[in-house]
Amino acid sequence: MANELEIKKESVVSLVENQDLGNIIKPLVNEIHLFDSFIAGTTHLDDQSVLEVVSVDDDLILRREDNKFDSNFVLVLMNDGRKLGYVPKKG
């Protein structure tokens, strides 16, 4: 019949119905290297000590910031929320 719901064994539901949530999500979580960049505005930081503790392998947070200079600034933060500077504008 044309209006019957047919569930095939290879459907998404059958693939996940007997699995732990962690096993389902884990393959979807991968680190992706997006880009390398300098950080602009480091000379204007209130707390310069953050520059002494940041290292190459640190995960950083990028957050858009609407400020008086540019409504498209992308703020660069340490995981603990300390400000490092901004992604520089493309020159």
PDB file of N, CA and C in Angstrom:
ATOM      1  N   MET A   1       0.830  -1.189   0.000  1.00  0.00           N
ATOM      2  CA  MET A   1       0.000   0.000   0.000  1.00  0.00           C
ATOM      3  C   MET A   1       0.875   1.254   0.000  1.00  0.00           C
ATOM      4  N   ALA A   2       0.409   2.286  -0.648  1.00  0.00           N
ATOM      5  CA  ALA A   2       1.193   3.507  -0.813  1.00  0.00           C
ATOM      6  C   ALA A   2       1.325   4.311   0.471  1.00  0.00           C
ATOM      7  N   ASN A   3       0.379   4.237   1.398  1.00  0.00           N
ATOM      8  CA  ASN A   3       0.405   5.049   2.601  1.00  0.00           C
ATOM      9  C   ASN A   3       0.995   4.330   3.815  1.00  0.00           C
ATOM     10  N   GLU A   4       1.531   3.138   3.634  1.00  0.00           N
ATOM     11  CA  GLU A   4       2.096   2.402   4.764  1.00  0.00           C
ATOM     12  C   GLU A   4       3.505   2.898   5.075  1.00  0.00           C
ATOM     13  N   LEU A   5       3.824   2.916   6.352  1.00  0.00           N
ATOM     14  CA  LEU A   5       5.163   3.282   6.805  1.00  0.00           C
ATOM     15  C   LEU A   5       6.018   2.027   6.778  1.00  0.00           C
ATOM     16  N   GLU A   6       7.090   2.079   6.056  1.00  0.00           N
ATOM     17  CA  GLU A   6       7.976   0.926   5.950  1.00  0.00           C
ATOM     18  C   GLU A   6       9.300   1.281   6.611  1.00  0.00           C
ATOM     19  N   ILE A   7       9.694   0.528   7.636  1.00  0.00           N
ATOM     20  CA  ILE A   7      10.963   0.754   8.321  1.00  0.00           C
ATOM     21  C   ILE A   7      11.924  -0.327   7.864  1.00  0.00           C
ATOM     22  N   LYS A   8      12.982   0.090   7.236  1.00  0.00           N
ATOM     23  CA  LYS A   8      13.991  -0.851   6.762  1.00  0.00           C
ATOM     24  C   LYS A   8      15.064  -0.999   7.820  1.00  0.00           C
ATOM     25  N   LYS A   9      15.732  -2.136   7.850  1.00  0.00           N
ATOM     26  CA  LYS A   9      16.764  -2.394   8.844  1.00  0.00           C
ATOM     27  C   LYS A   9      17.913  -1.398   8.756  1.00  0.00           C
ATOM     28  N   GLU A  10      18.187  -0.861   7.580  1.00  0.00           N
ATOM     29  CA  GLU A  10      19.294   0.067   7.433  1.00  0.00           C
ATOM     30  C   GLU A  10      18.904   1.520   7.736  1.00  0.00           C
ATOM     31  N   SER A  11      17.728   1.743   8.291  1.00  0.00           N
ATOM     32  CA  SER A  11      17.310   3.106   8.628  1.00  0.00           C
ATOM     33  C   SER A  11      18.134   3.631   9.798  1.00  0.00           C
ATOM     34  N   VAL A  12      18.150   4.935   9.951  1.00  0.00           N
ATOM     35  CA  VAL A  12      18.897   5.573  11.035  1.00  0.00           C
ATOM     36  C   VAL A  12      18.417   5.080  12.389  1.00  0.00           C
ATOM     37  N   VAL A  13      17.116   4.907  12.539  1.00  0.00           N
ATOM     38  CA  VAL A  13      16.560   4.447  13.818  1.00  0.00           C
ATOM     39  C   VAL A  13      17.129   3.086  14.192  1.00  0.00           C
ATOM     40  N   SER A  14      17.176   2.178  13.251  1.00  0.00           N
ATOM     41  CA  SER A  14      17.680   0.844  13.564  1.00  0.00           C
ATOM     42  C   SER A  14      19.176   0.859  13.866  1.00  0.00           C
ATOM     43  N   LEU A  15      19.906   1.834  13.331  1.00  0.00           N
ATOM     44  CA  LEU A  15      21.341   1.923  13.590  1.00  0.00           C
ATOM     45  C   LEU A  15      21.642   2.416  14.996  1.00  0.00           C
ATOM     46  N   VAL A  16      20.762   3.213  15.589  1.00  0.00           N
ATOM     47  CA  VAL A  16      21.048   3.827  16.876  1.00  0.00           C
ATOM     48  C   VAL A  16      20.191   3.316  18.022  1.00  0.00           C
ATOM     49  N   GLU A  17      19.177   2.530  17.751  1.00  0.00           N
ATOM     50  CA  GLU A  17      18.217   2.178  18.792  1.00  0.00           C
ATOM     51  C   GLU A  17      18.795   1.366  19.942  1.00  0.00           C
ATOM     52  N   ASN A  18      19.813   0.582  19.743  1.00  0.00           N
ATOM     53  CA  ASN A  18      20.387  -0.242  20.814  1.00  0.00           C
ATOM     54  C   ASN A  18      21.790   0.208  21.214  1.00  0.00           C
ATOM     55  N   GLN A  19      22.112   1.472  20.980  1.00  0.00           N
ATOM     56  CA  GLN A  19      23.450   1.961  21.281  1.00  0.00           C
ATOM     57  C   GLN A  19      23.411   3.023  22.373  1.00  0.00           C
ATOM     58  N   ASP A  20      24.514   3.116  23.105  1.00  0.00           N
ATOM     59  CA  ASP A  20      24.698   4.145  24.122  1.00  0.00           C
ATOM     60  C   ASP A  20      24.873   5.496  23.416  1.00  0.00           C
ATOM     61  N   LEU A  21      24.335   6.561  23.994  1.00  0.00           N
ATOM     62  CA  LEU A  21      24.403   7.890  23.389  1.00  0.00           C
ATOM     63  C   LEU A  21      25.846   8.316  23.119  1.00  0.00           C
ATOM     64  N   GLY A  22      26.754   7.985  24.025  1.00  0.00           N
ATOM     65  CA  GLY A  22      28.163   8.338  23.840  1.00  0.00           C
ATOM     66  C   GLY A  22      28.761   7.710  22.600  1.00  0.00           C
ATOM     67  N   ASN A  23      28.367   6.500  22.288  1.00  0.00           N
ATOM     68  CA  ASN A  23      28.872   5.827  21.095  1.00  0.00           C
ATOM     69  C   ASN A  23      28.301   6.431  19.818  1.00  0.00           C
ATOM     70  N   ILE A  24      27.146   7.040  19.921  1.00  0.00           N
ATOM     71  CA  ILE A  24      26.528   7.668  18.758  1.00  0.00           C
ATOM     72  C   ILE A  24      27.171   9.023  18.491  1.00  0.00           C
ATOM     73  N   ILE A  25      27.400   9.802  19.532  1.00  0.00           N
ATOM     74  CA  ILE A  25      27.906  11.165  19.382  1.00  0.00           C
ATOM     75  C   ILE A  25      29.411  11.206  19.138  1.00  0.00           C
ATOM     76  N   LYS A  26      30.169  10.313  19.765  1.00  0.00           N
ATOM     77  CA  LYS A  26      31.630  10.353  19.689  1.00  0.00           C
ATOM     78  C   LYS A  26      32.175  10.459  18.268  1.00  0.00           C
ATOM     79  N   PRO A  27      31.687   9.681  17.306  1.00  0.00           N
ATOM     80  CA  PRO A  27      32.233   9.822  15.946  1.00  0.00           C
ATOM     81  C   PRO A  27      31.936  11.178  15.313  1.00  0.00           C
ATOM     82  N   LEU A  28      30.992  11.921  15.851  1.00  0.00           N
ATOM     83  CA  LEU A  28      30.636  13.215  15.290  1.00  0.00           C
ATOM     84  C   LEU A  28      31.476  14.354  15.858  1.00  0.00           C
ATOM     85  N   VAL A  29      32.267  14.074  16.895  1.00  0.00           N
ATOM     86  CA  VAL A  29      33.072  15.097  17.546  1.00  0.00           C
ATOM     87  C   VAL A  29      34.525  14.908  17.129  1.00  0.00           C
ATOM     88  N   ASN A  30      35.009  15.796  16.283  1.00  0.00           N
ATOM     89  CA  ASN A  30      36.395  15.757  15.831  1.00  0.00           C
ATOM     90  C   ASN A  30      36.978  17.146  15.902  1.00  0.00           C
ATOM     91  N   GLU A  31      38.269  17.226  16.153  1.00  0.00           N
ATOM     92  CA  GLU A  31      38.934  18.515  16.096  1.00  0.00           C
ATOM     93  C   GLU A  31      39.145  18.861  14.633  1.00  0.00           C
ATOM     94  N   ILE A  32      38.866  20.093  14.303  1.00  0.00           N
ATOM     95  CA  ILE A  32      39.047  20.551  12.935  1.00  0.00           C
ATOM     96  C   ILE A  32      39.940  21.780  12.973  1.00  0.00           C
ATOM     97  N   HIS A  33      41.072  21.705  12.311  1.00  0.00           N
ATOM     98  CA  HIS A  33      41.974  22.855  12.236  1.00  0.00           C
ATOM     99  C   HIS A  33      41.404  23.821  11.209  1.00  0.00           C
ATOM    100  N   LEU A  34      40.981  24.993  11.675  1.00  0.00           N
ATOM    101  CA  LEU A  34      40.350  25.957  10.783  1.00  0.00           C
ATOM    102  C   LEU A  34      41.354  26.880  10.107  1.00  0.00           C
ATOM    103  N   PHE A  35      42.258  27.461  10.901  1.00  0.00           N
ATOM    104  CA  PHE A  35      43.212  28.390  10.324  1.00  0.00           C
ATOM    105  C   PHE A  35      44.270  28.755  11.355  1.00  0.00           C
ATOM    106  N   ASP A  36      45.369  29.295  10.868  1.00  0.00           N
ATOM    107  CA  ASP A  36      46.402  29.887  11.715  1.00  0.00           C
ATOM    108  C   ASP A  36      46.287  31.392  11.571  1.00  0.00           C
ATOM    109  N   SER A  37      46.497  32.100  12.661  1.00  0.00           N
ATOM    110  CA  SER A  37      46.374  33.547  12.592  1.00  0.00           C
ATOM    111  C   SER A  37      47.189  34.197  13.701  1.00  0.00           C
ATOM    112  N   PHE A  38      47.625  35.393  13.442  1.00  0.00           N
ATOM    113  CA  PHE A  38      48.162  36.226  14.500  1.00  0.00           C
ATOM    114  C   PHE A  38      46.980  36.762  15.295  1.00  0.00           C
ATOM    115  N   ILE A  39      47.254  37.323  16.461  1.00  0.00           N
ATOM    116  CA  ILE A  39      46.209  37.953  17.263  1.00  0.00           C
ATOM    117  C   ILE A  39      46.506  39.445  17.327  1.00  0.00           C
ATOM    118  N   ALA A  40      45.534  40.246  16.925  1.00  0.00           N
ATOM    119  CA  ALA A  40      45.692  41.695  16.923  1.00  0.00           C
ATOM    120  C   ALA A  40      45.249  42.275  18.267  1.00  0.00           C
ATOM    121  N   GLY A  41      45.783  43.416  18.612  1.00  0.00           N
ATOM    122  CA  GLY A  41      45.339  44.142  19.793  1.00  0.00           C
ATOM    123  C   GLY A  41      45.957  43.704  21.104  1.00  0.00           C
ATOM    124  N   THR A  42      47.002  42.886  21.062  1.00  0.00           N
ATOM    125  CA  THR A  42      47.598  42.385  22.309  1.00  0.00           C
ATOM    126  C   THR A  42      48.281  43.492  23.116  1.00  0.00           C
ATOM    127  N   THR A  43      48.686  44.561  22.471  1.00  0.00           N
ATOM    128  CA  THR A  43      49.337  45.659  23.205  1.00  0.00           C
ATOM    129  C   THR A  43      48.334  46.480  24.007  1.00  0.00           C
ATOM    130  N   HIS A  44      47.043  46.290  23.754  1.00  0.00           N
ATOM    131  CA  HIS A  44      46.009  47.058  24.449  1.00  0.00           C
ATOM    132  C   HIS A  44      45.314  46.253  25.557  1.00  0.00           C
ATOM    133  N   LEU A  45      45.847  45.087  25.897  1.00  0.00           N
ATOM    134  CA  LEU A  45      45.226  44.258  26.934  1.00  0.00           C
ATOM    135  C   LEU A  45      45.391  44.878  28.311  1.00  0.00           C
ATOM    136  N   ASP A  46      44.357  44.796  29.133  1.00  0.00           N
ATOM    137  CA  ASP A  46      44.456  45.246  30.519  1.00  0.00           C
ATOM    138  C   ASP A  46      45.337  44.298  31.327  1.00  0.00           C
ATOM    139  N   ASP A  47      45.284  42.995  31.010  1.00  0.00           N
ATOM    140  CA  ASP A  47      46.060  41.977  31.722  1.00  0.00           C
ATOM    141  C   ASP A  47      47.044  41.323  30.754  1.00  0.00           C
ATOM    142  N   GLN A  48      48.249  41.859  30.681  1.00  0.00           N
ATOM    143  CA  GLN A  48      49.283  41.348  29.778  1.00  0.00           C
ATOM    144  C   GLN A  48      49.810  39.968  30.205  1.00  0.00           C
ATOM    145  N   SER A  49      49.542  39.552  31.440  1.00  0.00           N
ATOM    146  CA  SER A  49      50.060  38.268  31.932  1.00  0.00           C
ATOM    147  C   SER A  49      49.481  37.078  31.174  1.00  0.00           C
ATOM    148  N   VAL A  50      48.342  37.263  30.537  1.00  0.00           N
ATOM    149  CA  VAL A  50      47.725  36.180  29.771  1.00  0.00           C
ATOM    150  C   VAL A  50      48.636  35.747  28.621  1.00  0.00           C
ATOM    151  N   LEU A  51      49.440  36.654  28.102  1.00  0.00           N
ATOM    152  CA  LEU A  51      50.338  36.341  26.996  1.00  0.00           C
ATOM    153  C   LEU A  51      51.485  35.431  27.438  1.00  0.00           C
ATOM    154  N   GLU A  52      51.771  35.397  28.719  1.00  0.00           N
ATOM    155  CA  GLU A  52      52.849  34.547  29.244  1.00  0.00           C
ATOM    156  C   GLU A  52      52.402  33.099  29.424  1.00  0.00           C
ATOM    157  N   VAL A  53      51.099  32.856  29.504  1.00  0.00           N
ATOM    158  CA  VAL A  53      50.610  31.503  29.774  1.00  0.00           C
ATOM    159  C   VAL A  53      49.973  30.818  28.566  1.00  0.00           C
ATOM    160  N   VAL A  54      49.647  31.561  27.532  1.00  0.00           N
ATOM    161  CA  VAL A  54      49.032  30.946  26.350  1.00  0.00           C
ATOM    162  C   VAL A  54      50.101  30.181  25.573  1.00  0.00           C
ATOM    163  N   SER A  55      49.714  29.010  25.041  1.00  0.00           N
ATOM    164  CA  SER A  55      50.672  28.224  24.258  1.00  0.00           C
ATOM    165  C   SER A  55      50.040  27.779  22.939  1.00  0.00           C
ATOM    166  N   VAL A  56      50.865  27.271  22.072  1.00  0.00           N
ATOM    167  CA  VAL A  56      50.458  26.914  20.717  1.00  0.00           C
ATOM    168  C   VAL A  56      49.304  25.911  20.696  1.00  0.00           C
ATOM    169  N   ASP A  57      49.293  24.948  21.582  1.00  0.00           N
ATOM    170  CA  ASP A  57      48.274  23.889  21.546  1.00  0.00           C
ATOM    171  C   ASP A  57      47.011  24.211  22.340  1.00  0.00           C
ATOM    172  N   ASP A  58      46.895  25.409  22.887  1.00  0.00           N
ATOM    173  CA  ASP A  58      45.705  25.762  23.655  1.00  0.00           C
ATOM    174  C   ASP A  58      44.477  25.874  22.754  1.00  0.00           C
ATOM    175  N   ASP A  59      43.340  25.386  23.251  1.00  0.00           N
ATOM    176  CA  ASP A  59      42.068  25.623  22.578  1.00  0.00           C
ATOM    177  C   ASP A  59      41.626  27.029  22.936  1.00  0.00           C
ATOM    178  N   LEU A  60      41.206  27.788  21.952  1.00  0.00           N
ATOM    179  CA  LEU A  60      40.792  29.165  22.175  1.00  0.00           C
ATOM    180  C   LEU A  60      39.333  29.331  21.764  1.00  0.00           C
ATOM    181  N   ILE A  61      38.700  30.341  22.312  1.00  0.00           N
ATOM    182  CA  ILE A  61      37.304  30.648  22.010  1.00  0.00           C
ATOM    183  C   ILE A  61      37.280  31.863  21.092  1.00  0.00           C
ATOM    184  N   LEU A  62      36.506  31.780  20.024  1.00  0.00           N
ATOM    185  CA  LEU A  62      36.296  32.918  19.131  1.00  0.00           C
ATOM    186  C   LEU A  62      34.863  33.386  19.312  1.00  0.00           C
ATOM    187  N   ARG A  63      34.692  34.680  19.581  1.00  0.00           N
ATOM    188  CA  ARG A  63      33.352  35.216  19.826  1.00  0.00           C
ATOM    189  C   ARG A  63      33.221  36.570  19.138  1.00  0.00           C
ATOM    190  N   ARG A  64      32.146  36.749  18.388  1.00  0.00           N
ATOM    191  CA  ARG A  64      31.912  38.042  17.740  1.00  0.00           C
ATOM    192  C   ARG A  64      31.631  39.086  18.813  1.00  0.00           C
ATOM    193  N   GLU A  65      32.215  40.262  18.623  1.00  0.00           N
ATOM    194  CA  GLU A  65      32.027  41.343  19.587  1.00  0.00           C
ATOM    195  C   GLU A  65      31.628  42.602  18.833  1.00  0.00           C
ATOM    196  N   ASP A  66      30.518  43.158  19.196  1.00  0.00           N
ATOM    197  CA  ASP A  66      30.075  44.415  18.603  1.00  0.00           C
ATOM    198  C   ASP A  66      30.634  45.533  19.472  1.00  0.00           C
ATOM    199  N   ASN A  67      31.630  46.238  18.959  1.00  0.00           N
ATOM    200  CA  ASN A  67      32.202  47.330  19.747  1.00  0.00           C
ATOM    201  C   ASN A  67      32.235  48.619  18.934  1.00  0.00           C
ATOM    202  N   LYS A  68      32.726  49.680  19.535  1.00  0.00           N
ATOM    203  CA  LYS A  68      32.646  51.006  18.904  1.00  0.00           C
ATOM    204  C   LYS A  68      33.527  51.150  17.655  1.00  0.00           C
ATOM    205  N   PHE A  69      34.525  50.275  17.497  1.00  0.00           N
ATOM    206  CA  PHE A  69      35.416  50.386  16.350  1.00  0.00           C
ATOM    207  C   PHE A  69      34.929  49.598  15.135  1.00  0.00           C
ATOM    208  N   ASP A  70      34.314  48.433  15.386  1.00  0.00           N
ATOM    209  CA  ASP A  70      33.899  47.565  14.285  1.00  0.00           C
ATOM    210  C   ASP A  70      32.860  46.585  14.802  1.00  0.00           C
ATOM    211  N   SER A  71      31.721  46.489  14.141  1.00  0.00           N
ATOM    212  CA  SER A  71      30.659  45.585  14.596  1.00  0.00           C
ATOM    213  C   SER A  71      30.936  44.130  14.222  1.00  0.00           C
ATOM    214  N   ASN A  72      32.031  43.882  13.513  1.00  0.00           N
ATOM    215  CA  ASN A  72      32.373  42.524  13.099  1.00  0.00           C
ATOM    216  C   ASN A  72      33.638  41.985  13.760  1.00  0.00           C
ATOM    217  N   PHE A  73      34.108  42.627  14.805  1.00  0.00           N
ATOM    218  CA  PHE A  73      35.304  42.129  15.486  1.00  0.00           C
ATOM    219  C   PHE A  73      35.071  40.718  15.996  1.00  0.00           C
ATOM    220  N   VAL A  74      36.109  39.876  15.891  1.00  0.00           N
ATOM    221  CA  VAL A  74      36.054  38.531  16.455  1.00  0.00           C
ATOM    222  C   VAL A  74      37.067  38.487  17.589  1.00  0.00           C
ATOM    223  N   LEU A  75      36.558  38.373  18.785  1.00  0.00           N
ATOM    224  CA  LEU A  75      37.345  38.355  20.007  1.00  0.00           C
ATOM    225  C   LEU A  75      37.979  36.979  20.190  1.00  0.00           C
ATOM    226  N   VAL A  76      39.233  36.950  20.648  1.00  0.00           N
ATOM    227  CA  VAL A  76      39.928  35.695  20.932  1.00  0.00           C
ATOM    228  C   VAL A  76      40.104  35.602  22.445  1.00  0.00           C
ATOM    229  N   LEU A  77      39.566  34.520  23.026  1.00  0.00           N
ATOM    230  CA  LEU A  77      39.607  34.325  24.473  1.00  0.00           C
ATOM    231  C   LEU A  77      40.278  33.004  24.823  1.00  0.00           C
ATOM    232  N   MET A  78      40.908  32.967  25.989  1.00  0.00           N
ATOM    233  CA  MET A  78      41.379  31.704  26.547  1.00  0.00           C
ATOM    234  C   MET A  78      40.145  30.933  27.007  1.00  0.00           C
ATOM    235  N   ASN A  79      40.287  29.631  27.278  1.00  0.00           N
ATOM    236  CA  ASN A  79      39.155  28.833  27.763  1.00  0.00           C
ATOM    237  C   ASN A  79      38.604  29.338  29.084  1.00  0.00           C
ATOM    238  N   ASP A  80      39.430  30.002  29.878  1.00  0.00           N
ATOM    239  CA  ASP A  80      38.969  30.535  31.163  1.00  0.00           C
ATOM    240  C   ASP A  80      38.332  31.918  31.022  1.00  0.00           C
ATOM    241  N   GLY A  81      38.199  32.408  29.773  1.00  0.00           N
ATOM    242  CA  GLY A  81      37.523  33.676  29.532  1.00  0.00           C
ATOM    243  C   GLY A  81      38.422  34.888  29.458  1.00  0.00           C
ATOM    244  N   ARG A  82      39.722  34.716  29.691  1.00  0.00           N
ATOM    245  CA  ARG A  82      40.622  35.870  29.607  1.00  0.00           C
ATOM    246  C   ARG A  82      40.839  36.269  28.152  1.00  0.00           C
ATOM    247  N   LYS A  83      40.824  37.571  27.922  1.00  0.00           N
ATOM    248  CA  LYS A  83      40.929  38.131  26.572  1.00  0.00           C
ATOM    249  C   LYS A  83      42.378  38.114  26.097  1.00  0.00           C
ATOM    250  N   LEU A  84      42.568  37.624  24.847  1.00  0.00           N
ATOM    251  CA  LEU A  84      43.882  37.656  24.208  1.00  0.00           C
ATOM    252  C   LEU A  84      43.983  38.781  23.182  1.00  0.00           C
ATOM    253  N   GLY A  85      42.890  39.102  22.523  1.00  0.00           N
ATOM    254  CA  GLY A  85      42.901  40.123  21.484  1.00  0.00           C
ATOM    255  C   GLY A  85      41.820  39.821  20.467  1.00  0.00           C
ATOM    256  N   TYR A  86      42.129  40.082  19.196  1.00  0.00           N
ATOM    257  CA  TYR A  86      41.146  39.935  18.125  1.00  0.00           C
ATOM    258  C   TYR A  86      41.764  39.232  16.919  1.00  0.00           C
ATOM    259  N   VAL A  87      40.923  38.562  16.155  1.00  0.00           N
ATOM    260  CA  VAL A  87      41.355  38.054  14.851  1.00  0.00           C
ATOM    261  C   VAL A  87      41.564  39.296  13.995  1.00  0.00           C
ATOM    262  N   PRO A  88      42.742  39.445  13.393  1.00  0.00           N
ATOM    263  CA  PRO A  88      43.006  40.673  12.622  1.00  0.00           C
ATOM    264  C   PRO A  88      42.163  40.741  11.354  1.00  0.00           C
ATOM    265  N   LYS A  89      41.868  41.976  10.947  1.00  0.00           N
ATOM    266  CA  LYS A  89      41.182  42.173   9.673  1.00  0.00           C
ATOM    267  C   LYS A  89      42.108  41.732   8.555  1.00  0.00           C
ATOM    268  N   LYS A  90      41.516  41.243   7.494  1.00  0.00           N
ATOM    269  CA  LYS A  90      42.307  40.865   6.332  1.00  0.00           C
ATOM    270  C   LYS A  90      42.812  42.149   5.674  1.00  0.00           C
ATOM    271  N   GLY A  91      44.119  42.230   5.439  1.00  0.00           N
ATOM    272  CA  GLY A  91      44.684  43.456   4.928  1.00  0.00           C
ATOM    273  C   GLY A  91      44.925  43.454   3.531  1.00  0.00           C
TER     274      GLY A  91
END
